[in-house]
Amino acid sequence: MFNFKSYTVVALIVLLAGCVSPPTAHDYTSFKQADPHSIIILPPINNTPEVIAPYSVMTQMVAPIAESGFYVFPVAVVEQTFKGNGLSVANDVHQVPFKKLHEIFGADSALYITIEEYGTSYVVLSSETAVTVSASLVDLRTGEQLWQGKAKASSAEQQNNNGGGGLVGMLVVAAINQIAETITDKGFEIAAITSTRLLSSDSYNGLLYGPRSPNYGKPVPSEKKK
């Protein structure tokens, strides 16, 4: 027997799915022409109240960049170099002329980062630790922007709150999750996921494969779908 109600639900799902457009593929033309081999990660601008956020995000970005095939300048050395020159605030570092950065570090490019969200929040029946970061890669030889992106990850993606135990049970689970994520600094783990989604060459609209990668010169995922 034809079930009109079921058909309507399925049709609605299909219609909504059709309305969701995939992210626009990044144009890598400038990136390919510049062909950077090394990247310096600048201290992130922190638009959150979490003091630990810049250190967490900055250190977690090294792995996906290096694994993509680029040489990454040691973040501790970079930070100390800026502090030694009287630059301890990220906003001031981001204002340093690109030619000066190239002169000091000899890097081909610099990654400018902004942390938009970091930390654990509690909302009635759930708690989550979320990290949202945007970044842009700039050629330090010309000042041209080669790439930009934004990514978010949340502990809510890993949770399975199915409502077991009723309202009281859900409140208890949410409270326990918040305490646990705050004590263990869940943000450090989530920052790693965000950084990988944002920068990895294997991520959609991530960086290109660098010269140290066996895939150097091959198309990245977003180029394959064009």
C-alpha atoms as a PDB file:
ATOM      1  CA  MET A   1       0.000   0.000   0.000  1.00  0.00           C
ATOM      2  CA  PHE A   2       1.260   3.449  -0.899  1.00  0.00           C
ATOM      3  CA  ASN A   3       2.216   5.399   2.214  1.00  0.00           C
ATOM      4  CA  PHE A   4       1.761   9.062   1.380  1.00  0.00           C
ATOM      5  CA  LYS A   5       3.207  10.185   4.701  1.00  0.00           C
ATOM      6  CA  SER A   6       6.442   8.216   4.226  1.00  0.00           C
ATOM      7  CA  TYR A   7       6.745   9.388   0.634  1.00  0.00           C
ATOM      8  CA  THR A   8       6.381  13.017   1.751  1.00  0.00           C
ATOM      9  CA  VAL A   9       9.136  12.657   4.340  1.00  0.00           C
ATOM     10  CA  VAL A  10      11.525  11.054   1.849  1.00  0.00           C
ATOM     11  CA  ALA A  11      10.741  13.677  -0.782  1.00  0.00           C
ATOM     12  CA  LEU A  12      11.397  16.448   1.730  1.00  0.00           C
ATOM     13  CA  ILE A  13      14.754  14.947   2.687  1.00  0.00           C
ATOM     14  CA  VAL A  14      15.776  14.667  -0.953  1.00  0.00           C
ATOM     15  CA  LEU A  15      14.673  18.238  -1.618  1.00  0.00           C
ATOM     16  CA  LEU A  16      16.633  19.590   1.344  1.00  0.00           C
ATOM     17  CA  ALA A  17      19.694  17.583   0.358  1.00  0.00           C
ATOM     18  CA  GLY A  18      19.519  19.040  -3.120  1.00  0.00           C
ATOM     19  CA  CYS A  19      19.490  22.553  -1.676  1.00  0.00           C
ATOM     20  CA  VAL A  20      22.799  22.034   0.141  1.00  0.00           C
ATOM     21  CA  SER A  21      25.640  23.074  -2.135  1.00  0.00           C
ATOM     22  CA  PRO A  22      29.149  21.682  -1.627  1.00  0.00           C
ATOM     23  CA  PRO A  23      31.842  24.183  -0.553  1.00  0.00           C
ATOM     24  CA  THR A  24      33.338  26.199  -3.380  1.00  0.00           C
ATOM     25  CA  ALA A  25      36.631  24.676  -4.458  1.00  0.00           C
ATOM     26  CA  HIS A  26      39.657  26.845  -3.733  1.00  0.00           C
ATOM     27  CA  ASP A  27      41.561  28.414  -6.619  1.00  0.00           C
ATOM     28  CA  TYR A  28      45.166  27.271  -6.216  1.00  0.00           C
ATOM     29  CA  THR A  29      46.599  29.213  -9.174  1.00  0.00           C
ATOM     30  CA  SER A  30      48.625  31.672  -7.064  1.00  0.00           C
ATOM     31  CA  PHE A  31      49.668  28.905  -4.673  1.00  0.00           C
ATOM     32  CA  LYS A  32      51.093  26.823  -7.533  1.00  0.00           C
ATOM     33  CA  GLN A  33      52.898  29.768  -9.095  1.00  0.00           C
ATOM     34  CA  ALA A  34      54.517  30.768  -5.791  1.00  0.00           C
ATOM     35  CA  ASP A  35      55.413  27.152  -4.942  1.00  0.00           C
ATOM     36  CA  PRO A  36      56.397  27.801  -1.297  1.00  0.00           C
ATOM     37  CA  HIS A  37      58.680  25.252   0.350  1.00  0.00           C
ATOM     38  CA  SER A  38      58.688  26.615   3.905  1.00  0.00           C
ATOM     39  CA  ILE A  39      56.043  28.061   6.225  1.00  0.00           C
ATOM     40  CA  ILE A  40      56.313  30.101   9.400  1.00  0.00           C
ATOM     41  CA  ILE A  41      53.319  29.936  11.754  1.00  0.00           C
ATOM     42  CA  LEU A  42      52.680  33.370  13.255  1.00  0.00           C
ATOM     43  CA  PRO A  43      51.257  33.672  16.794  1.00  0.00           C
ATOM     44  CA  PRO A  44      47.442  33.443  16.436  1.00  0.00           C
ATOM     45  CA  ILE A  45      45.130  36.359  17.117  1.00  0.00           C
ATOM     46  CA  ASN A  46      42.922  35.112  19.947  1.00  0.00           C
ATOM     47  CA  ASN A  47      39.323  36.361  19.863  1.00  0.00           C
ATOM     48  CA  THR A  48      38.326  34.133  22.791  1.00  0.00           C
ATOM     49  CA  PRO A  49      38.718  34.512  26.582  1.00  0.00           C
ATOM     50  CA  GLU A  50      40.836  31.331  26.765  1.00  0.00           C
ATOM     51  CA  VAL A  51      44.466  32.250  27.453  1.00  0.00           C
ATOM     52  CA  ILE A  52      45.732  28.802  26.470  1.00  0.00           C
ATOM     53  CA  ALA A  53      44.065  28.893  23.044  1.00  0.00           C
ATOM     54  CA  PRO A  54      46.969  30.418  21.023  1.00  0.00           C
ATOM     55  CA  TYR A  55      49.517  27.907  22.346  1.00  0.00           C
ATOM     56  CA  SER A  56      47.170  24.970  21.811  1.00  0.00           C
ATOM     57  CA  VAL A  57      46.252  25.921  18.248  1.00  0.00           C
ATOM     58  CA  MET A  58      49.726  27.020  17.196  1.00  0.00           C
ATOM     59  CA  THR A  59      51.390  23.767  18.254  1.00  0.00           C
ATOM     60  CA  GLN A  60      48.658  21.579  16.756  1.00  0.00           C
ATOM     61  CA  MET A  61      49.093  23.173  13.335  1.00  0.00           C
ATOM     62  CA  VAL A  62      52.671  21.982  12.914  1.00  0.00           C
ATOM     63  CA  ALA A  63      51.763  18.338  12.204  1.00  0.00           C
ATOM     64  CA  PRO A  64      49.262  18.793   9.323  1.00  0.00           C
ATOM     65  CA  ILE A  65      51.540  21.334   7.605  1.00  0.00           C
ATOM     66  CA  ALA A  66      54.633  19.144   7.918  1.00  0.00           C
ATOM     67  CA  GLU A  67      52.723  16.030   6.862  1.00  0.00           C
ATOM     68  CA  SER A  68      51.517  17.935   3.801  1.00  0.00           C
ATOM     69  CA  GLY A  69      55.144  18.278   2.743  1.00  0.00           C
ATOM     70  CA  PHE A  70      56.327  21.698   3.934  1.00  0.00           C
ATOM     71  CA  TYR A  71      59.186  22.702   6.228  1.00  0.00           C
ATOM     72  CA  VAL A  72      57.712  24.336   9.334  1.00  0.00           C
ATOM     73  CA  PHE A  73      59.811  26.696  11.424  1.00  0.00           C
ATOM     74  CA  PRO A  74      59.861  25.637  15.128  1.00  0.00           C
ATOM     75  CA  VAL A  75      57.032  27.555  16.813  1.00  0.00           C
ATOM     76  CA  ALA A  76      58.961  28.059  20.075  1.00  0.00           C
ATOM     77  CA  VAL A  77      61.889  29.638  18.215  1.00  0.00           C
ATOM     78  CA  VAL A  78      59.542  31.856  16.220  1.00  0.00           C
ATOM     79  CA  GLU A  79      57.738  33.067  19.333  1.00  0.00           C
ATOM     80  CA  GLN A  80      60.978  33.790  21.208  1.00  0.00           C
ATOM     81  CA  THR A  81      62.338  35.694  18.212  1.00  0.00           C
ATOM     82  CA  PHE A  82      59.328  37.991  18.240  1.00  0.00           C
ATOM     83  CA  LYS A  83      59.475  38.470  22.015  1.00  0.00           C
ATOM     84  CA  GLY A  84      63.187  39.215  21.774  1.00  0.00           C
ATOM     85  CA  ASN A  85      62.285  42.050  19.417  1.00  0.00           C
ATOM     86  CA  GLY A  86      59.596  43.446  21.704  1.00  0.00           C
ATOM     87  CA  LEU A  87      56.631  41.827  19.938  1.00  0.00           C
ATOM     88  CA  SER A  88      54.623  39.836  22.479  1.00  0.00           C
ATOM     89  CA  VAL A  89      51.131  40.610  21.130  1.00  0.00           C
ATOM     90  CA  ALA A  90      49.844  38.644  18.132  1.00  0.00           C
ATOM     91  CA  ASN A  91      48.077  41.669  16.631  1.00  0.00           C
ATOM     92  CA  ASP A  92      51.401  43.530  16.520  1.00  0.00           C
ATOM     93  CA  VAL A  93      53.161  40.550  14.937  1.00  0.00           C
ATOM     94  CA  HIS A  94      50.536  40.424  12.185  1.00  0.00           C
ATOM     95  CA  GLN A  95      51.331  44.054  11.365  1.00  0.00           C
ATOM     96  CA  VAL A  96      55.014  43.372  10.694  1.00  0.00           C
ATOM     97  CA  PRO A  97      55.759  43.977   6.968  1.00  0.00           C
ATOM     98  CA  PHE A  98      56.015  40.732   5.002  1.00  0.00           C
ATOM     99  CA  LYS A  99      59.425  41.711   3.631  1.00  0.00           C
ATOM    100  CA  LYS A 100      60.742  42.085   7.188  1.00  0.00           C
ATOM    101  CA  LEU A 101      59.465  38.605   8.097  1.00  0.00           C
ATOM    102  CA  HIS A 102      61.180  37.182   5.038  1.00  0.00           C
ATOM    103  CA  GLU A 103      64.392  38.998   5.956  1.00  0.00           C
ATOM    104  CA  ILE A 104      64.389  37.719   9.562  1.00  0.00           C
ATOM    105  CA  PHE A 105      63.324  34.102   9.039  1.00  0.00           C
ATOM    106  CA  GLY A 106      64.037  33.446   5.375  1.00  0.00           C
ATOM    107  CA  ALA A 107      60.693  31.634   5.072  1.00  0.00           C
ATOM    108  CA  ASP A 108      58.849  31.484   1.750  1.00  0.00           C
ATOM    109  CA  SER A 109      55.435  32.026   3.353  1.00  0.00           C
ATOM    110  CA  ALA A 110      53.659  32.804   6.624  1.00  0.00           C
ATOM    111  CA  LEU A 111      50.432  31.462   8.081  1.00  0.00           C
ATOM    112  CA  TYR A 112      48.235  34.146   9.666  1.00  0.00           C
ATOM    113  CA  ILE A 113      45.765  32.629  12.139  1.00  0.00           C
ATOM    114  CA  THR A 114      42.680  33.887  13.966  1.00  0.00           C
ATOM    115  CA  ILE A 115      41.026  31.827  16.709  1.00  0.00           C
ATOM    116  CA  GLU A 116      37.299  32.540  16.642  1.00  0.00           C
ATOM    117  CA  GLU A 117      36.121  29.931  19.154  1.00  0.00           C
ATOM    118  CA  TYR A 118      37.876  27.836  21.795  1.00  0.00           C
ATOM    119  CA  GLY A 119      36.643  26.138  24.938  1.00  0.00           C
ATOM    120  CA  THR A 120      33.841  24.267  26.654  1.00  0.00           C
ATOM    121  CA  SER A 121      30.284  25.597  26.885  1.00  0.00           C
ATOM    122  CA  TYR A 122      27.241  24.238  28.718  1.00  0.00           C
ATOM    123  CA  VAL A 123      23.785  24.591  27.163  1.00  0.00           C
ATOM    124  CA  VAL A 124      20.900  23.098  29.194  1.00  0.00           C
ATOM    125  CA  LEU A 125      21.035  19.417  28.162  1.00  0.00           C
ATOM    126  CA  SER A 126      24.437  19.276  26.538  1.00  0.00           C
ATOM    127  CA  SER A 127      27.993  20.518  26.754  1.00  0.00           C
ATOM    128  CA  GLU A 128      30.607  20.759  24.054  1.00  0.00           C
ATOM    129  CA  THR A 129      34.169  21.829  23.488  1.00  0.00           C
ATOM    130  CA  ALA A 130      34.516  23.614  20.171  1.00  0.00           C
ATOM    131  CA  VAL A 131      37.418  25.147  18.279  1.00  0.00           C
ATOM    132  CA  THR A 132      36.933  27.370  15.231  1.00  0.00           C
ATOM    133  CA  VAL A 133      39.930  28.771  13.377  1.00  0.00           C
ATOM    134  CA  SER A 134      40.440  30.791  10.211  1.00  0.00           C
ATOM    135  CA  ALA A 135      43.792  31.254   8.492  1.00  0.00           C
ATOM    136  CA  SER A 136      45.501  32.624   5.411  1.00  0.00           C
ATOM    137  CA  LEU A 137      48.838  31.786   3.807  1.00  0.00           C
ATOM    138  CA  VAL A 138      50.829  34.753   2.506  1.00  0.00           C
ATOM    139  CA  ASP A 139      53.859  34.710   0.217  1.00  0.00           C
ATOM    140  CA  LEU A 140      56.611  36.596   2.098  1.00  0.00           C
ATOM    141  CA  ARG A 141      58.427  37.339  -1.150  1.00  0.00           C
ATOM    142  CA  THR A 142      55.547  39.204  -2.797  1.00  0.00           C
ATOM    143  CA  GLY A 143      52.913  39.766  -0.092  1.00  0.00           C
ATOM    144  CA  GLU A 144      50.311  37.897  -2.148  1.00  0.00           C
ATOM    145  CA  GLN A 145      47.720  35.750  -0.403  1.00  0.00           C
ATOM    146  CA  LEU A 146      48.108  32.192  -1.632  1.00  0.00           C
ATOM    147  CA  TRP A 147      45.390  30.428   0.321  1.00  0.00           C
ATOM    148  CA  GLN A 148      42.739  30.969   2.992  1.00  0.00           C
ATOM    149  CA  GLY A 149      40.345  28.745   4.883  1.00  0.00           C
ATOM    150  CA  LYS A 150      38.233  28.187   7.963  1.00  0.00           C
ATOM    151  CA  ALA A 151      37.418  25.054   9.960  1.00  0.00           C
ATOM    152  CA  LYS A 152      35.602  23.955  13.099  1.00  0.00           C
ATOM    153  CA  ALA A 153      35.552  20.807  15.209  1.00  0.00           C
ATOM    154  CA  SER A 154      33.478  19.982  18.278  1.00  0.00           C
ATOM    155  CA  SER A 155      33.373  17.275  20.918  1.00  0.00           C
ATOM    156  CA  ALA A 156      29.622  17.087  20.236  1.00  0.00           C
ATOM    157  CA  GLU A 157      30.518  15.139  17.094  1.00  0.00           C
ATOM    158  CA  GLN A 158      31.834  12.351  19.318  1.00  0.00           C
ATOM    159  CA  GLN A 159      28.994  12.339  21.829  1.00  0.00           C
ATOM    160  CA  ASN A 160      25.914  10.136  21.662  1.00  0.00           C
ATOM    161  CA  ASN A 161      23.245  11.665  23.871  1.00  0.00           C
ATOM    162  CA  ASN A 162      20.298   9.378  23.146  1.00  0.00           C
ATOM    163  CA  GLY A 163      18.254  10.577  26.071  1.00  0.00           C
ATOM    164  CA  GLY A 164      18.744   7.409  28.149  1.00  0.00           C
ATOM    165  CA  GLY A 165      17.816   7.941  31.791  1.00  0.00           C
ATOM    166  CA  GLY A 166      15.376  10.752  31.124  1.00  0.00           C
ATOM    167  CA  LEU A 167      15.860  14.463  31.748  1.00  0.00           C
ATOM    168  CA  VAL A 168      17.811  14.027  34.986  1.00  0.00           C
ATOM    169  CA  GLY A 169      20.134  11.534  33.323  1.00  0.00           C
ATOM    170  CA  MET A 170      20.790  13.887  30.414  1.00  0.00           C
ATOM    171  CA  LEU A 171      21.578  16.747  32.820  1.00  0.00           C
ATOM    172  CA  VAL A 172      23.985  14.573  34.776  1.00  0.00           C
ATOM    173  CA  VAL A 173      25.754  13.385  31.625  1.00  0.00           C
ATOM    174  CA  ALA A 174      26.046  16.963  30.345  1.00  0.00           C
ATOM    175  CA  ALA A 175      27.487  18.158  33.665  1.00  0.00           C
ATOM    176  CA  ILE A 176      29.983  15.281  33.799  1.00  0.00           C
ATOM    177  CA  ASN A 177      31.061  15.923  30.200  1.00  0.00           C
ATOM    178  CA  GLN A 178      31.625  19.600  30.915  1.00  0.00           C
ATOM    179  CA  ILE A 179      33.707  18.922  34.031  1.00  0.00           C
ATOM    180  CA  ALA A 180      35.745  16.219  32.301  1.00  0.00           C
ATOM    181  CA  GLU A 181      36.387  18.306  29.186  1.00  0.00           C
ATOM    182  CA  THR A 182      37.407  21.325  31.266  1.00  0.00           C
ATOM    183  CA  ILE A 183      39.753  19.386  33.554  1.00  0.00           C
ATOM    184  CA  THR A 184      41.445  17.446  30.757  1.00  0.00           C
ATOM    185  CA  ASP A 185      41.578  20.478  28.429  1.00  0.00           C
ATOM    186  CA  LYS A 186      39.584  18.802  25.686  1.00  0.00           C
ATOM    187  CA  GLY A 187      40.292  21.881  23.598  1.00  0.00           C
ATOM    188  CA  PHE A 188      43.812  20.624  22.873  1.00  0.00           C
ATOM    189  CA  GLU A 189      42.420  17.468  21.275  1.00  0.00           C
ATOM    190  CA  ILE A 190      39.700  19.341  19.366  1.00  0.00           C
ATOM    191  CA  ALA A 191      42.250  21.909  18.161  1.00  0.00           C
ATOM    192  CA  ALA A 192      44.179  19.066  16.533  1.00  0.00           C
ATOM    193  CA  ILE A 193      41.075  17.969  14.612  1.00  0.00           C
ATOM    194  CA  THR A 194      40.325  21.549  13.560  1.00  0.00           C
ATOM    195  CA  SER A 195      43.906  22.084  12.394  1.00  0.00           C
ATOM    196  CA  THR A 196      43.861  18.908  10.314  1.00  0.00           C
ATOM    197  CA  ARG A 197      40.539  19.815   8.702  1.00  0.00           C
ATOM    198  CA  LEU A 198      41.824  23.283   7.927  1.00  0.00           C
ATOM    199  CA  LEU A 199      45.344  22.602   6.682  1.00  0.00           C
ATOM    200  CA  SER A 200      45.887  18.984   5.655  1.00  0.00           C
ATOM    201  CA  SER A 201      46.418  18.461   1.932  1.00  0.00           C
ATOM    202  CA  ASP A 202      44.085  15.484   2.227  1.00  0.00           C
ATOM    203  CA  SER A 203      41.254  17.745   3.454  1.00  0.00           C
ATOM    204  CA  TYR A 204      38.858  19.482   1.078  1.00  0.00           C
ATOM    205  CA  ASN A 205      40.272  22.963   0.321  1.00  0.00           C
ATOM    206  CA  GLY A 206      43.363  22.321   2.456  1.00  0.00           C
ATOM    207  CA  LEU A 207      46.929  23.208   1.505  1.00  0.00           C
ATOM    208  CA  LEU A 208      48.536  21.853  -1.651  1.00  0.00           C
ATOM    209  CA  TYR A 209      51.025  19.004  -1.346  1.00  0.00           C
ATOM    210  CA  GLY A 210      54.429  20.448  -0.504  1.00  0.00           C
ATOM    211  CA  PRO A 211      57.841  19.506  -1.973  1.00  0.00           C
ATOM    212  CA  ARG A 212      58.546  17.043   0.862  1.00  0.00           C
ATOM    213  CA  SER A 213      55.382  15.055   0.134  1.00  0.00           C
ATOM    214  CA  PRO A 214      55.397  11.989  -2.171  1.00  0.00           C
ATOM    215  CA  ASN A 215      52.233  13.505  -3.685  1.00  0.00           C
ATOM    216  CA  TYR A 216      53.954  16.777  -4.601  1.00  0.00           C
ATOM    217  CA  GLY A 217      52.474  18.120  -7.818  1.00  0.00           C
ATOM    218  CA  LYS A 218      49.403  15.883  -7.655  1.00  0.00           C
ATOM    219  CA  PRO A 219      45.882  17.391  -7.345  1.00  0.00           C
ATOM    220  CA  VAL A 220      44.369  17.756  -3.877  1.00  0.00           C
ATOM    221  CA  PRO A 221      40.782  16.545  -3.113  1.00  0.00           C
ATOM    222  CA  SER A 222      39.026  19.816  -4.049  1.00  0.00           C
ATOM    223  CA  GLU A 223      40.771  19.874  -7.436  1.00  0.00           C
ATOM    224  CA  LYS A 224      39.715  16.295  -8.191  1.00  0.00           C
ATOM    225  CA  LYS A 225      36.035  17.236  -7.798  1.00  0.00           C
ATOM    226  CA  LYS A 226      36.131  20.139 -10.248  1.00  0.00           C
END
